[in-house]
Amino acid sequence: MNTPFKLKGDYIALCDLLKTEGIAESGGQGKAFVAEGLVMVDGEIELRKTAKIRAGQVVKCMGQTIIVVKSLG
């Protein structure tokens, strides 16, 4: 399933994005997903738990795809 995420600032930490989108139940679980190599950013496995995710990037984890777009508000 593709889900757009409206980014309000310049970036969001990867573990926070996973928590915000409901893929992870907590920031800690999000960090664990990243550490286990379960998260891909722009088609590459991302191992940095707090990687800065910016508009235009695509994050995949646990069968879900998040498309990060800039919020206009």
C-alpha atoms as a PDB file:
ATOM      1  CA  MET A   1       0.000   0.000   0.000  1.00  0.00           C
ATOM      2  CA  ASN A   2       1.316   3.470  -0.903  1.00  0.00           C
ATOM      3  CA  THR A   3       0.791   6.164   1.711  1.00  0.00           C
ATOM      4  CA  PRO A   4       1.702   9.816   1.194  1.00  0.00           C
ATOM      5  CA  PHE A   5       3.281  11.546   4.200  1.00  0.00           C
ATOM      6  CA  LYS A   6       3.035  15.338   4.286  1.00  0.00           C
ATOM      7  CA  LEU A   7       6.326  16.680   5.601  1.00  0.00           C
ATOM      8  CA  LYS A   8       5.879  19.911   7.559  1.00  0.00           C
ATOM      9  CA  GLY A   9       9.552  20.759   8.190  1.00  0.00           C
ATOM     10  CA  ASP A  10      12.764  20.144   6.292  1.00  0.00           C
ATOM     11  CA  TYR A  11      13.013  16.504   7.360  1.00  0.00           C
ATOM     12  CA  ILE A  12      11.794  13.810   9.759  1.00  0.00           C
ATOM     13  CA  ALA A  13      13.954  11.191  11.461  1.00  0.00           C
ATOM     14  CA  LEU A  14      13.408   7.745   9.947  1.00  0.00           C
ATOM     15  CA  CYS A  15      12.432   6.089  13.245  1.00  0.00           C
ATOM     16  CA  ASP A  16       9.907   8.899  13.905  1.00  0.00           C
ATOM     17  CA  LEU A  17       8.395   8.479  10.440  1.00  0.00           C
ATOM     18  CA  LEU A  18       7.860   4.756  11.044  1.00  0.00           C
ATOM     19  CA  LYS A  19       6.140   5.531  14.345  1.00  0.00           C
ATOM     20  CA  THR A  20       4.034   8.381  12.923  1.00  0.00           C
ATOM     21  CA  GLU A  21       2.797   6.236  10.051  1.00  0.00           C
ATOM     22  CA  GLY A  22       1.861   3.359  12.380  1.00  0.00           C
ATOM     23  CA  ILE A  23       4.371   0.876  10.959  1.00  0.00           C
ATOM     24  CA  ALA A  24       6.149   0.790  14.325  1.00  0.00           C
ATOM     25  CA  GLU A  25       4.310   0.966  17.635  1.00  0.00           C
ATOM     26  CA  SER A  26       7.072   3.089  19.166  1.00  0.00           C
ATOM     27  CA  GLY A  27      10.240   4.920  18.252  1.00  0.00           C
ATOM     28  CA  GLY A  28      12.185   2.060  19.813  1.00  0.00           C
ATOM     29  CA  GLN A  29      10.470  -0.482  17.604  1.00  0.00           C
ATOM     30  CA  GLY A  30      11.165   1.748  14.598  1.00  0.00           C
ATOM     31  CA  LYS A  31      14.850   1.822  15.527  1.00  0.00           C
ATOM     32  CA  ALA A  32      14.821  -1.974  15.824  1.00  0.00           C
ATOM     33  CA  PHE A  33      13.305  -2.330  12.332  1.00  0.00           C
ATOM     34  CA  VAL A  34      16.096  -0.135  10.947  1.00  0.00           C
ATOM     35  CA  ALA A  35      18.819  -2.017  12.857  1.00  0.00           C
ATOM     36  CA  GLU A  36      17.503  -5.340  11.504  1.00  0.00           C
ATOM     37  CA  GLY A  37      17.751  -4.065   7.920  1.00  0.00           C
ATOM     38  CA  LEU A  38      13.985  -4.109   7.362  1.00  0.00           C
ATOM     39  CA  VAL A  39      13.744  -0.533   6.061  1.00  0.00           C
ATOM     40  CA  MET A  40      14.553   0.687   2.574  1.00  0.00           C
ATOM     41  CA  VAL A  41      14.932   4.337   1.564  1.00  0.00           C
ATOM     42  CA  ASP A  42      14.944   5.074  -2.164  1.00  0.00           C
ATOM     43  CA  GLY A  43      15.545   1.391  -2.934  1.00  0.00           C
ATOM     44  CA  GLU A  44      18.533   0.943  -0.598  1.00  0.00           C
ATOM     45  CA  ILE A  45      18.611  -0.659   2.861  1.00  0.00           C
ATOM     46  CA  GLU A  46      18.975   2.133   5.433  1.00  0.00           C
ATOM     47  CA  LEU A  47      20.781   1.326   8.682  1.00  0.00           C
ATOM     48  CA  ARG A  48      20.865   4.844  10.183  1.00  0.00           C
ATOM     49  CA  LYS A  49      18.039   4.953  12.714  1.00  0.00           C
ATOM     50  CA  THR A  50      17.725   8.730  12.644  1.00  0.00           C
ATOM     51  CA  ALA A  51      18.432   9.246   8.938  1.00  0.00           C
ATOM     52  CA  LYS A  52      16.928  12.539   7.782  1.00  0.00           C
ATOM     53  CA  ILE A  53      14.041  11.736   5.459  1.00  0.00           C
ATOM     54  CA  ARG A  54      13.166  14.610   3.140  1.00  0.00           C
ATOM     55  CA  ALA A  55      10.438  15.384   0.593  1.00  0.00           C
ATOM     56  CA  GLY A  56      10.745  13.266  -2.529  1.00  0.00           C
ATOM     57  CA  GLN A  57      12.062  10.184  -0.764  1.00  0.00           C
ATOM     58  CA  VAL A  58      10.315   6.805  -0.669  1.00  0.00           C
ATOM     59  CA  VAL A  59      10.468   4.597   2.431  1.00  0.00           C
ATOM     60  CA  LYS A  60       9.489   0.908   2.413  1.00  0.00           C
ATOM     61  CA  CYS A  61       9.018  -1.244   5.497  1.00  0.00           C
ATOM     62  CA  MET A  62       6.886  -4.232   6.459  1.00  0.00           C
ATOM     63  CA  GLY A  63       5.105  -4.277   3.090  1.00  0.00           C
ATOM     64  CA  GLN A  64       4.153  -0.607   3.263  1.00  0.00           C
ATOM     65  CA  THR A  65       5.433   2.220   1.088  1.00  0.00           C
ATOM     66  CA  ILE A  66       5.555   5.807   2.326  1.00  0.00           C
ATOM     67  CA  ILE A  67       5.976   8.570  -0.229  1.00  0.00           C
ATOM     68  CA  VAL A  68       7.246  11.725   1.465  1.00  0.00           C
ATOM     69  CA  VAL A  69       5.813  14.936   0.010  1.00  0.00           C
ATOM     70  CA  LYS A  70       6.258  18.559   1.066  1.00  0.00           C
ATOM     71  CA  SER A  71       3.270  19.948   2.970  1.00  0.00           C
ATOM     72  CA  LEU A  72       1.895  23.100   1.410  1.00  0.00           C
ATOM     73  CA  GLY A  73       0.530  24.325   4.725  1.00  0.00           C
END
